[in-house]
Protein backbone atom coordinates (compact mmCIF):
# COMPACT_ATOMS: atom_id res chain seq x y z
CA MET A 1 210.03 129.94 243.48
CA LEU A 2 211.89 127.38 245.59
CA ASP A 3 209.95 128.57 248.62
CA LEU A 4 206.66 127.90 246.86
CA ILE A 5 207.83 124.45 245.80
CA SER A 6 208.85 123.61 249.35
CA LYS A 7 205.43 124.70 250.62
CA GLY A 8 203.55 122.70 248.02
CA GLY A 9 204.06 119.37 249.78
CA ALA A 10 205.38 115.98 248.77
CA LEU A 11 203.38 115.80 245.53
CA VAL A 12 205.35 118.77 244.19
CA TRP A 13 208.45 116.61 244.15
CA VAL A 14 206.52 113.86 242.39
CA LEU A 15 205.54 116.36 239.70
CA LEU A 16 209.09 117.62 239.37
CA GLY A 17 210.28 114.04 239.01
CA CYS A 18 207.73 113.47 236.24
CA PHE A 19 208.94 116.58 234.46
CA GLY A 20 212.55 115.42 234.68
CA LEU A 21 211.57 112.03 233.28
CA ALA A 22 209.66 113.67 230.42
CA LEU A 23 212.70 115.77 229.52
CA ALA A 24 214.97 112.71 229.60
CA ILE A 25 212.63 110.72 227.32
CA PHE A 26 212.35 113.63 224.90
CA ALA A 27 216.14 114.02 224.68
CA GLU A 28 216.72 110.28 224.24
CA ARG A 29 214.06 109.90 221.54
CA ILE A 30 215.22 112.95 219.60
CA SER A 31 218.74 111.52 219.58
CA TYR A 32 217.49 108.08 218.48
CA TYR A 33 215.26 109.44 215.71
CA HIS A 34 218.12 111.56 214.41
CA ARG A 35 220.32 108.47 214.14
CA ALA A 36 217.48 106.35 212.67
CA GLY A 37 216.71 108.72 209.81
CA MET A 38 218.01 108.23 206.29
CA ASN A 39 217.34 109.34 202.73
CA VAL A 40 215.39 106.26 201.63
CA GLY A 41 215.06 107.28 197.99
CA GLU A 42 218.77 107.91 197.51
CA PHE A 43 219.74 104.72 199.33
CA LEU A 44 217.31 102.60 197.28
CA ALA A 45 218.74 104.07 194.07
CA GLY A 46 222.18 102.87 195.11
CA LEU A 47 220.87 99.43 196.04
CA ALA A 48 219.03 99.14 192.72
CA SER A 49 222.31 99.73 190.89
CA LEU A 50 224.01 96.95 192.87
CA ILE A 51 221.08 94.57 192.38
CA ARG A 52 221.08 95.12 188.62
CA ARG A 53 224.71 93.95 188.64
CA LYS A 54 223.71 90.97 190.86
CA ASN A 55 226.09 92.26 193.51
CA TYR A 56 223.98 91.15 196.46
CA ALA A 57 226.93 90.78 198.84
CA GLU A 58 227.85 94.46 198.59
CA ALA A 59 224.17 95.45 198.83
CA LEU A 60 223.90 93.48 202.09
CA GLN A 61 227.02 95.18 203.45
CA GLU A 62 225.57 98.60 202.62
CA CYS A 63 222.38 97.76 204.54
CA VAL A 64 224.32 96.54 207.57
CA ALA A 65 226.49 99.67 207.55
CA THR A 66 223.46 102.00 207.80
CA ARG A 67 222.44 100.75 211.28
CA VAL A 68 218.95 102.23 210.83
CA PRO A 69 215.50 100.57 210.89
CA ALA A 70 214.90 100.94 207.15
CA GLY A 71 218.31 99.39 206.47
CA ARG A 72 217.43 96.35 208.56
CA VAL A 73 214.18 95.88 206.61
CA LEU A 74 216.08 96.04 203.33
CA HIS A 75 218.69 93.64 204.68
CA ALA A 76 215.98 91.09 205.56
CA ALA A 77 214.62 91.21 202.01
CA LEU A 78 218.05 90.95 200.37
CA LEU A 79 218.97 87.91 202.45
CA ARG A 80 216.08 86.05 200.78
CA HIS A 81 216.08 87.73 197.38
CA HIS A 82 215.34 84.39 195.64
CA SER A 83 211.95 84.16 197.38
CA THR A 84 208.69 84.75 195.56
CA ARG A 85 207.01 88.13 195.59
CA GLU A 86 204.45 87.07 198.20
CA GLN A 87 207.19 85.66 200.43
CA LEU A 88 209.21 88.87 200.10
CA LYS A 89 206.17 90.92 201.09
CA ASP A 90 205.75 88.80 204.22
CA ILE A 91 209.46 89.12 205.01
CA VAL A 92 209.55 92.91 204.84
CA GLN A 93 206.28 93.15 206.78
CA GLU A 94 207.64 91.02 209.61
CA ALA A 95 210.94 92.93 209.64
CA GLY A 96 209.05 96.22 209.81
CA GLN A 97 206.89 95.00 212.68
CA LEU A 98 210.04 94.21 214.66
CA GLU A 99 211.20 97.81 214.24
CA VAL A 100 207.95 99.46 215.39
CA PRO A 101 208.46 98.78 219.14
CA ARG A 102 211.92 100.36 218.92
CA LEU A 103 210.46 103.46 217.31
CA GLU A 104 207.63 103.77 219.85
CA ARG A 105 209.75 103.00 222.93
CA TYR A 106 208.95 105.25 225.94
CA LEU A 107 206.24 107.16 224.06
CA SER A 108 203.54 105.51 226.18
CA VAL A 109 205.36 106.68 229.32
CA LEU A 110 205.44 110.24 228.01
CA HIS A 111 201.75 110.01 227.11
CA GLY A 112 200.99 108.76 230.61
CA ILE A 113 202.89 111.65 232.21
CA ALA A 114 200.94 114.16 230.12
CA HIS A 115 197.63 112.70 231.32
CA ALA A 116 198.52 111.88 234.92
CA THR A 117 200.26 115.06 236.09
CA PRO A 118 197.12 117.27 236.02
CA LEU A 119 195.36 114.65 238.16
CA ILE A 120 198.31 114.55 240.56
CA GLY A 121 198.17 118.32 240.79
CA LEU A 122 194.44 118.22 241.47
CA LEU A 123 194.98 115.63 244.17
CA GLY A 124 197.59 117.89 245.78
CA THR A 125 195.16 120.80 245.74
CA ILE A 126 192.37 118.77 247.34
CA LEU A 127 194.70 117.48 250.03
CA GLY A 128 195.98 121.01 250.63
CA LEU A 129 192.45 122.39 251.00
CA MET A 130 191.51 119.59 253.37
CA ASN A 131 194.58 120.33 255.46
CA THR A 132 193.80 124.06 255.50
CA PHE A 133 190.22 123.63 256.66
CA THR A 134 191.20 120.96 259.18
CA ARG A 135 193.70 123.36 260.70
CA LEU A 136 191.11 126.13 260.82
CA ASN A 137 188.64 123.79 262.53
CA ASN A 138 191.21 122.94 265.18
CA GLU A 139 191.59 126.64 265.83
CA ASN A 140 187.92 126.93 266.92
CA GLY A 141 186.82 127.83 263.41
CA TYR A 142 188.24 131.34 263.55
CA ALA A 143 190.53 132.58 260.80
CA THR A 144 191.06 135.82 258.99
CA PRO A 145 190.34 136.05 255.27
CA ALA A 146 194.08 136.44 254.69
CA GLU A 147 194.82 133.11 256.39
CA VAL A 148 192.15 131.34 254.37
CA ALA A 149 193.43 132.90 251.14
CA ASN A 150 197.00 131.90 251.97
CA GLY A 151 195.95 128.28 252.60
CA VAL A 152 194.04 128.11 249.32
CA PHE A 153 196.95 129.69 247.49
CA LEU A 154 199.38 127.09 248.77
CA ALA A 155 196.92 124.33 247.93
CA LEU A 156 196.69 125.52 244.31
CA ILE A 157 200.45 125.26 243.79
CA THR A 158 200.26 121.59 242.86
CA SER A 159 197.44 122.15 240.36
CA ALA A 160 199.42 124.88 238.63
CA LEU A 161 202.57 122.77 238.62
CA GLY A 162 200.67 119.77 237.29
CA LEU A 163 199.57 121.81 234.26
CA VAL A 164 203.08 123.21 233.83
CA VAL A 165 204.37 119.64 233.54
CA ALA A 166 201.46 118.24 231.51
CA ILE A 167 201.41 120.82 228.70
CA PRO A 168 205.03 120.45 227.53
CA SER A 169 204.87 116.68 228.10
CA TYR A 170 201.92 116.40 225.73
CA LEU A 171 203.68 118.61 223.18
CA PHE A 172 206.77 116.40 223.47
CA TYR A 173 204.61 113.33 222.92
CA SER A 174 202.86 114.77 219.86
CA PHE A 175 206.14 115.80 218.26
CA LEU A 176 207.83 112.46 218.90
CA ALA A 177 204.78 110.50 217.72
CA ALA A 178 204.88 112.44 214.44
CA LYS A 179 208.58 111.63 214.03
CA ALA A 180 207.88 107.95 214.72
CA ARG A 181 205.10 107.89 212.12
CA HIS A 182 207.45 109.46 209.57
CA LEU A 183 210.07 106.77 210.20
CA MET A 184 207.42 104.04 209.97
CA HIS A 185 206.39 105.48 206.61
CA ASP A 186 210.03 105.14 205.53
CA LEU A 187 209.91 101.48 206.60
CA GLU A 188 206.83 100.85 204.49
CA ARG A 189 208.30 102.66 201.50
CA ALA A 190 211.59 100.77 201.77
CA GLY A 191 209.77 97.43 202.02
CA ILE A 192 207.51 98.08 199.03
CA GLU A 193 210.26 99.41 196.79
CA ILE A 194 212.83 96.71 197.56
CA VAL A 195 210.27 94.04 196.64
CA ASN A 196 209.62 95.81 193.33
CA ILE A 197 213.34 96.22 192.65
CA LEU A 198 214.05 92.55 193.31
CA GLU A 199 211.14 91.49 191.13
CA ASP A 200 212.19 93.76 188.26
CA ASN A 201 215.72 92.36 188.32
CA ARG A 202 214.81 88.73 188.81
CA GLU A 203 216.31 86.31 186.26
CA PRO A 204 213.77 84.71 183.89
CA ALA A 205 212.53 81.34 185.06
CA HIS A 206 213.34 79.68 181.77
CA ALA A 207 216.54 80.44 179.93
CA ALA A 208 216.57 80.72 176.16
CA THR A 209 217.18 77.39 174.54
CA THR A 210 218.41 78.50 171.13
CA GLY A 211 221.83 79.58 172.26
CA GLY A 212 223.40 76.25 173.18
CA ALA A 213 220.95 73.69 171.88
CA GLN A 214 221.48 71.75 168.74
CA ILE A 215 219.26 72.92 165.89
CA VAL A 216 217.44 70.20 164.04
CA GLU A 217 215.61 70.69 160.79
CA PHE A 218 214.16 68.44 158.12
CA ARG A 219 215.41 68.55 154.53
CA LYS A 220 213.54 66.92 151.72
CA THR A 221 215.49 64.81 149.30
CA ASP A 222 214.59 62.93 146.26
CA SER A 223 214.54 59.66 148.16
CA GLY A 224 212.38 60.97 150.96
CA SER A 225 213.16 63.08 153.95
CA ALA A 226 216.46 63.14 155.76
CA LEU A 227 217.62 64.79 158.93
CA LYS A 228 219.97 67.72 158.74
CA ARG A 229 221.61 68.67 162.06
CA GLY A 230 223.10 72.08 162.47
């Protein structure tokens, strides 16, 4: 195998470098997505309990402690929990948009590797065939079928290797893109539900006035009407 790689030319090492980069991106993203995941429903239930008790300070601390994208979206909403519903919706939307580039980091590189490596392999094959036929021409155009077959075989190494790199790279990309979409769905869910929770637990705009206000009523008397203050 190493002998074939050494005979494939310089582009073989380019393809191997691309494969190494694809593996590194896959490992890094898997690790990041594992750390970024959380049970959004369970976490929101805990936050709702704190918000009902108006314990916003502890709710903010819980969001900070998660260190995940959804937690940062919830934290942004809780910091401005007195805002109107429309303002809260804008806040969580902006916070979610800031998290999307972190979730999609390096995926475009992986997508590029999956599409470029077959073309690099094809380029290596064409260059190999050109080199084979140029060498045969310099030898007065005489070559045995075995020599021609061997030259073509060596030229096809890069095409085969390009596909070997491209197929798993595209599978890596598809898997990671699905994980990123799942986490973005968690961001949207967290943003929508925290707005609803804050709205449901918002204090009424106007407090009741009967509790502390002085009650005034009119009492009729024989001489007319007089004020009776309770």
